[in-house]
Protein backbone atom coordinates (compact mmCIF):
# COMPACT_ATOMS: atom_id res chain seq x y z
CA MET A 1 8.40 32.53 -4.13
CA ARG A 2 11.18 31.19 -1.95
CA SER A 3 14.35 33.08 -1.57
CA THR A 4 17.24 32.12 -3.75
CA GLY A 5 19.38 31.55 -0.73
CA GLN A 6 16.95 29.07 0.60
CA GLN A 7 16.74 27.28 -2.67
CA SER A 8 20.41 26.82 -3.00
CA GLU A 9 20.79 25.57 0.50
CA ARG A 10 18.22 23.01 0.01
CA GLN A 11 19.62 21.49 -3.21
CA GLY A 12 21.16 18.18 -2.77
CA ALA A 13 19.36 17.42 0.51
CA SER A 14 17.32 14.45 0.58
CA MET A 15 13.54 14.36 1.36
CA THR A 16 14.37 12.58 4.73
CA ASP A 17 16.59 15.49 5.88
CA LYS A 18 13.71 17.18 7.83
CA PRO A 19 14.44 18.61 11.30
CA THR A 20 12.53 17.81 14.33
CA VAL A 21 11.13 21.22 15.42
CA SER A 22 9.97 22.35 18.94
CA VAL A 23 7.61 25.29 18.88
CA LEU A 24 7.50 27.22 22.08
CA GLY A 25 4.40 29.45 22.25
CA THR A 26 1.23 28.73 20.25
CA GLY A 27 -0.70 31.91 20.36
CA ILE A 28 -2.08 33.50 17.16
CA MET A 29 1.19 33.32 15.27
CA GLY A 30 2.90 30.36 16.98
CA ALA A 31 -0.06 27.96 16.33
CA ALA A 32 -0.34 28.96 12.72
CA MET A 33 3.38 28.37 12.17
CA ALA A 34 3.32 25.13 14.08
CA ARG A 35 0.50 23.84 11.66
CA ASN A 36 2.44 24.79 8.58
CA LEU A 37 5.47 22.92 9.91
CA CYS A 38 3.29 19.86 10.43
CA ARG A 39 1.84 20.22 6.81
CA ALA A 40 5.47 20.42 5.61
CA GLY A 41 5.92 16.90 6.96
CA LEU A 42 8.31 17.97 9.97
CA GLU A 43 8.00 16.39 13.34
CA VAL A 44 6.74 18.98 15.56
CA ARG A 45 6.53 19.28 19.44
CA ALA A 46 4.38 22.15 20.54
CA TRP A 47 4.21 23.81 24.00
CA ASN A 48 2.24 26.78 25.43
CA ARG A 49 1.92 27.93 28.99
CA THR A 50 -1.89 27.54 28.71
CA ARG A 51 -1.94 23.96 27.31
CA GLU A 52 -5.51 24.41 25.97
CA LYS A 53 -4.09 26.75 23.24
CA ALA A 54 -1.69 24.03 22.14
CA GLU A 55 -4.00 21.06 22.21
CA PRO A 56 -5.76 21.68 18.93
CA LEU A 57 -2.42 21.16 17.07
CA ALA A 58 -2.59 17.57 18.05
CA ALA A 59 -5.16 17.13 15.35
CA ASP A 60 -2.39 18.42 12.78
CA GLY A 61 0.14 15.87 14.01
CA ALA A 62 1.94 17.85 16.62
CA ARG A 63 3.03 16.31 19.88
CA ILE A 64 1.97 18.47 22.64
CA ALA A 65 4.44 18.75 25.50
CA GLY A 66 3.81 19.59 29.12
CA THR A 67 6.87 21.54 29.75
CA PRO A 68 9.42 23.51 27.65
CA ALA A 69 12.07 20.92 28.57
CA GLU A 70 9.80 18.07 27.41
CA ALA A 71 9.19 20.03 24.10
CA VAL A 72 12.96 20.66 23.22
CA GLU A 73 14.26 17.25 24.16
CA GLY A 74 15.85 15.81 21.14
CA ALA A 75 14.83 18.78 18.83
CA ASP A 76 17.00 19.78 15.91
CA VAL A 77 15.32 23.27 15.95
CA VAL A 78 13.74 25.22 18.59
CA LEU A 79 11.44 28.05 17.57
CA THR A 80 10.31 30.66 20.01
CA MET A 81 7.14 32.69 19.17
CA LEU A 82 6.11 34.18 22.70
CA TYR A 83 4.89 37.54 23.93
CA ASP A 84 8.22 39.38 24.49
CA GLY A 85 11.82 38.93 25.03
CA ASN A 86 11.76 38.49 28.78
CA THR A 87 9.04 35.68 28.33
CA VAL A 88 11.32 34.04 25.84
CA LEU A 89 14.38 34.19 28.21
CA ASP A 90 12.14 32.75 31.13
CA VAL A 91 10.87 29.93 28.99
CA MET A 92 14.30 29.00 27.61
CA ARG A 93 15.57 28.77 31.14
CA GLU A 94 12.93 26.20 31.85
CA ALA A 95 13.91 24.32 28.82
CA ALA A 96 17.69 24.54 29.53
CA PRO A 97 18.06 21.05 31.18
CA ALA A 98 17.04 19.31 28.02
CA LEU A 99 18.75 21.56 25.32
CA ARG A 100 21.57 19.84 23.37
CA PRO A 101 24.69 21.86 22.39
CA GLY A 102 24.51 22.47 18.63
CA THR A 103 20.71 22.80 18.58
CA VAL A 104 19.41 25.37 16.39
CA TRP A 105 17.37 28.20 17.86
CA ALA A 106 15.13 30.33 15.66
CA GLN A 107 14.02 33.19 17.94
CA CYS A 108 10.93 34.65 16.26
CA THR A 109 9.40 36.84 18.80
CA THR A 110 9.57 40.54 18.34
CA ALA A 111 11.93 41.07 21.35
CA GLY A 112 13.54 44.42 20.77
CA ILE A 113 17.23 45.35 20.39
CA GLU A 114 18.37 45.10 23.81
CA LEU A 115 16.92 41.63 24.79
CA VAL A 116 18.39 40.13 21.57
CA THR A 117 21.75 40.60 23.12
CA ASP A 118 20.59 38.73 26.27
CA LEU A 119 18.94 35.86 24.30
CA ALA A 120 22.12 35.40 22.13
CA ALA A 121 24.28 35.34 25.26
CA PHE A 122 22.02 32.59 26.62
CA ALA A 123 22.38 30.74 23.47
CA GLY A 124 26.19 31.05 23.76
CA GLU A 125 26.13 29.75 27.35
CA HIS A 126 24.33 26.54 26.19
CA GLY A 127 26.01 25.94 22.93
CA LEU A 128 23.04 26.86 20.81
CA VAL A 129 23.23 28.08 17.21
CA PHE A 130 21.30 31.32 17.36
CA TYR A 131 19.08 32.86 14.67
CA ASP A 132 17.50 36.29 15.12
CA ALA A 133 14.51 35.51 13.07
CA PRO A 134 11.42 37.76 13.60
CA VAL A 135 8.57 37.50 11.03
CA LEU A 136 6.63 40.20 9.11
CA GLY A 137 2.97 39.42 8.86
CA THR A 138 -0.10 38.76 10.84
CA LYS A 139 -2.68 35.98 11.35
CA GLN A 140 -3.75 35.30 7.71
CA PRO A 141 -0.34 35.29 6.18
CA ALA A 142 0.79 33.03 9.12
CA GLU A 143 -1.96 30.69 8.44
CA ALA A 144 -1.18 30.56 4.81
CA GLY A 145 2.44 30.04 5.28
CA GLN A 146 3.20 33.43 3.60
CA LEU A 147 5.26 35.28 6.29
CA THR A 148 8.34 37.02 5.58
CA VAL A 149 11.22 35.78 7.87
CA LEU A 150 13.85 38.26 8.63
CA ALA A 151 16.81 36.38 9.62
CA ALA A 152 20.41 36.82 10.79
CA GLY A 153 22.61 33.95 11.94
CA PRO A 154 25.69 31.92 10.99
CA GLU A 155 26.07 30.30 7.46
CA GLU A 156 26.70 26.98 9.30
CA GLY A 157 23.30 25.75 10.38
CA ARG A 158 21.14 27.43 7.76
CA GLU A 159 20.68 24.12 6.07
CA THR A 160 19.02 23.00 9.26
CA VAL A 161 16.80 25.91 9.71
CA ALA A 162 15.79 26.50 5.99
CA PRO A 163 13.10 23.87 6.04
CA VAL A 164 11.58 25.64 8.98
CA PHE A 165 11.58 29.01 7.32
CA ASP A 166 10.42 27.58 4.11
CA ALA A 167 7.37 25.99 5.82
CA VAL A 168 6.30 29.27 7.66
CA GLY A 169 7.16 31.87 5.12
CA ALA A 170 6.93 32.85 1.55
CA LYS A 171 10.53 34.18 1.57
CA THR A 172 13.55 34.81 3.93
CA LEU A 173 15.47 37.96 3.97
CA TRP A 174 18.95 37.36 5.29
CA THR A 175 20.27 40.60 7.14
CA GLY A 176 23.54 39.12 8.47
CA SER A 177 25.49 36.39 9.88
CA ASP A 178 25.54 37.24 13.43
CA GLY A 179 22.25 36.83 15.25
CA GLY A 180 23.43 38.43 18.41
CA ALA A 181 23.96 41.78 16.44
CA GLY A 182 20.13 42.04 16.09
CA SER A 183 20.05 43.23 12.37
CA ALA A 184 16.94 41.24 11.79
CA SER A 185 15.18 42.58 14.84
CA ARG A 186 16.26 46.24 13.90
CA LEU A 187 14.71 45.77 10.51
CA LYS A 188 11.58 44.34 12.19
CA LEU A 189 11.11 47.32 14.34
CA VAL A 190 11.40 49.82 11.43
CA ALA A 191 8.78 47.70 9.55
CA ASN A 192 6.58 47.65 12.62
CA SER A 193 7.00 51.37 13.03
CA TRP A 194 5.26 51.94 9.89
CA VAL A 195 2.56 49.38 10.35
CA LEU A 196 1.60 50.78 13.73
CA ALA A 197 1.63 54.43 12.49
CA ALA A 198 -0.61 53.46 9.59
CA THR A 199 -3.01 51.52 12.10
CA ALA A 200 -3.19 54.47 14.36
CA ALA A 201 -3.68 56.85 11.49
CA ALA A 202 -6.72 54.78 10.20
CA GLY A 203 -8.38 54.81 13.45
CA GLU A 204 -7.99 58.62 13.67
CA VAL A 205 -9.31 59.12 10.10
CA LEU A 206 -12.52 57.09 11.18
CA ALA A 207 -12.87 58.96 14.50
CA LEU A 208 -12.46 62.38 12.79
CA SER A 209 -15.11 61.46 10.26
CA ARG A 210 -17.47 60.47 13.04
CA ALA A 211 -16.79 63.67 14.88
CA LEU A 212 -17.45 65.72 11.78
CA GLY A 213 -20.41 63.74 10.53
CA VAL A 214 -18.56 62.65 7.32
CA ASP A 215 -19.30 59.33 5.78
CA PRO A 216 -15.88 57.47 5.68
CA GLN A 217 -16.73 56.11 2.31
CA GLY A 218 -16.72 59.70 0.97
CA PHE A 219 -12.96 59.87 2.08
CA PHE A 220 -12.17 56.41 0.51
CA ASP A 221 -13.88 57.57 -2.71
CA LEU A 222 -11.79 60.77 -2.63
CA ILE A 223 -8.34 58.92 -2.40
CA GLU A 224 -9.34 55.94 -4.64
CA GLY A 225 -6.54 55.13 -7.11
CA GLY A 226 -4.31 57.95 -6.04
CA PRO A 227 -0.99 57.91 -4.28
CA LEU A 228 -2.83 58.34 -0.85
CA ASP A 229 -4.99 55.11 -1.29
CA MET A 230 -3.73 52.16 0.58
CA GLY A 231 -5.03 48.60 0.94
CA TYR A 232 -3.83 48.43 4.50
CA LEU A 233 -5.99 51.54 5.43
CA ARG A 234 -9.08 50.11 3.84
CA ALA A 235 -8.51 46.63 5.44
CA LYS A 236 -8.01 48.04 9.03
CA SER A 237 -10.87 50.45 8.65
CA ALA A 238 -13.22 47.81 7.38
CA LEU A 239 -12.61 45.80 10.62
CA VAL A 240 -13.89 48.69 12.68
CA LEU A 241 -16.64 49.64 10.48
CA ASP A 242 -17.96 46.06 10.19
CA GLY A 243 -17.31 45.30 13.90
CA ARG A 244 -15.02 42.41 13.02
CA LEU A 245 -12.24 43.03 15.68
CA THR A 246 -12.08 39.36 16.88
CA PRO A 247 -10.47 37.22 16.52
CA PRO A 248 -7.54 39.59 16.05
CA SER A 249 -4.80 39.44 13.40
CA PHE A 250 -2.48 41.42 15.76
CA ALA A 251 -3.83 42.29 19.10
CA VAL A 252 -3.99 45.65 20.65
CA ALA A 253 -1.81 44.62 23.74
CA THR A 254 0.84 43.21 21.50
CA ALA A 255 0.77 46.40 19.37
CA GLU A 256 1.34 48.58 22.40
CA LYS A 257 4.36 46.30 23.51
CA ASP A 258 5.88 46.66 20.01
CA ALA A 259 5.20 50.50 19.80
CA ARG A 260 7.18 50.92 23.14
CA LEU A 261 10.10 48.73 21.90
CA ILE A 262 10.14 51.09 18.80
CA VAL A 263 10.30 54.06 21.08
CA GLN A 264 13.20 52.74 23.15
CA ALA A 265 15.09 51.80 20.10
CA GLY A 266 14.70 55.36 18.91
CA GLN A 267 15.87 56.66 22.27
CA ARG A 268 18.84 54.40 22.15
CA GLY A 269 19.75 55.70 18.68
CA GLY A 270 19.32 59.24 19.72
CA VAL A 271 15.99 59.99 17.72
CA ARG A 272 12.72 61.08 19.08
CA LEU A 273 9.89 59.18 17.56
CA ASP A 274 6.76 61.10 18.41
CA VAL A 275 4.38 59.13 16.20
CA ALA A 276 5.36 55.81 17.82
CA ALA A 277 5.05 57.23 21.28
CA ALA A 278 1.61 58.44 20.61
CA ALA A 279 0.64 55.30 19.06
CA ALA A 280 1.74 53.46 22.15
CA GLU A 281 -0.47 55.64 24.25
CA ARG A 282 -3.42 55.12 21.98
CA PHE A 283 -3.17 51.26 22.19
CA ALA A 284 -2.73 51.59 25.94
CA ARG A 285 -5.93 53.57 26.25
CA ALA A 286 -7.81 51.15 24.07
CA ALA A 287 -6.54 48.19 26.21
CA ALA A 288 -7.74 50.07 29.28
CA GLN A 289 -11.16 50.36 27.72
CA GLY A 290 -11.31 46.56 27.32
CA HIS A 291 -10.08 46.17 23.79
CA ALA A 292 -6.60 44.50 24.64
CA ASP A 293 -7.40 41.24 22.95
CA GLU A 294 -9.03 42.69 19.94
CA ASP A 295 -7.45 43.49 16.75
CA MET A 296 -5.14 46.54 16.93
CA ALA A 297 -7.45 48.24 14.59
CA ALA A 298 -9.48 48.80 17.95
CA ALA A 299 -7.06 51.67 18.87
CA TYR A 300 -9.92 53.57 17.02
CA PHE A 301 -11.66 53.68 20.35
CA ALA A 302 -8.93 55.48 22.14
CA SER A 303 -10.11 58.64 20.28
CA PHE A 304 -13.36 58.62 22.56
CA GLY A 305 -14.15 58.32 26.20
CA ASP A 306 -14.48 55.01 28.06
CA GLN A 307 -17.99 54.48 26.78
CA ALA A 308 -17.23 54.77 23.07
CA SER A 309 -17.18 50.97 22.48
CA THR A 310 -20.69 50.39 23.92
């Protein structure tokens, strides 16, 4: 279901009012978002540092660009979905010579609170209309166009970005009118703190079951249908138990990055987040064991020695 705000903004727009979109970053999420933009009939230019990751999008109708500047030239909307905020800033600096004042920038990377301020400042320097717009969801909802877009940005310009958010998400939740204030990114970190804590807990449940000789299914039967039962717990546990950790929905390395952003945000707000800090260390240990590019459920292996995954 589309958000009411989006529906009202789209009323009266002709079918030809579709923006040209530049997608910078075509990893797990960016590629899926670019495909849905193509399917929605929008003109898409796609760029990725490793061009081979962008090339398959040509079959969906995207034009593959060789540089960020080439990708953004003439675009109405620039959508960034890169690893972190520093990477976004570096790529946008490369794109700067071709950016037009008035271009809408939908910044969808989970960048953290401090970097949002820097990104908004860059937008101001180049006359861009900045939207802080991280998304909630992983690979499967991204491929289905069922993400939740958390967005903050000015009322003026939303009619341009609305078709983009409509194409990649099931709904858009507006959190404010000032993208630089980071209200959308703040909400994303709160949501991710729960997701990462639940993922780490799922791994520890399986690890403790193994250590105590308990069949995990006995635990699932115990909680079935009660307040402790959780579809997410079962889904992440199944990836470990069935050995389906690749391709990832959300990689271990990215989960570690987000966990550290959450810890930093807590420190900035004067709160200590012990679970988030421990989760960051679990993801780091799993990555060091060779699981960095596997699904974040692979944090399970951090409970064991270096040979646990063999």
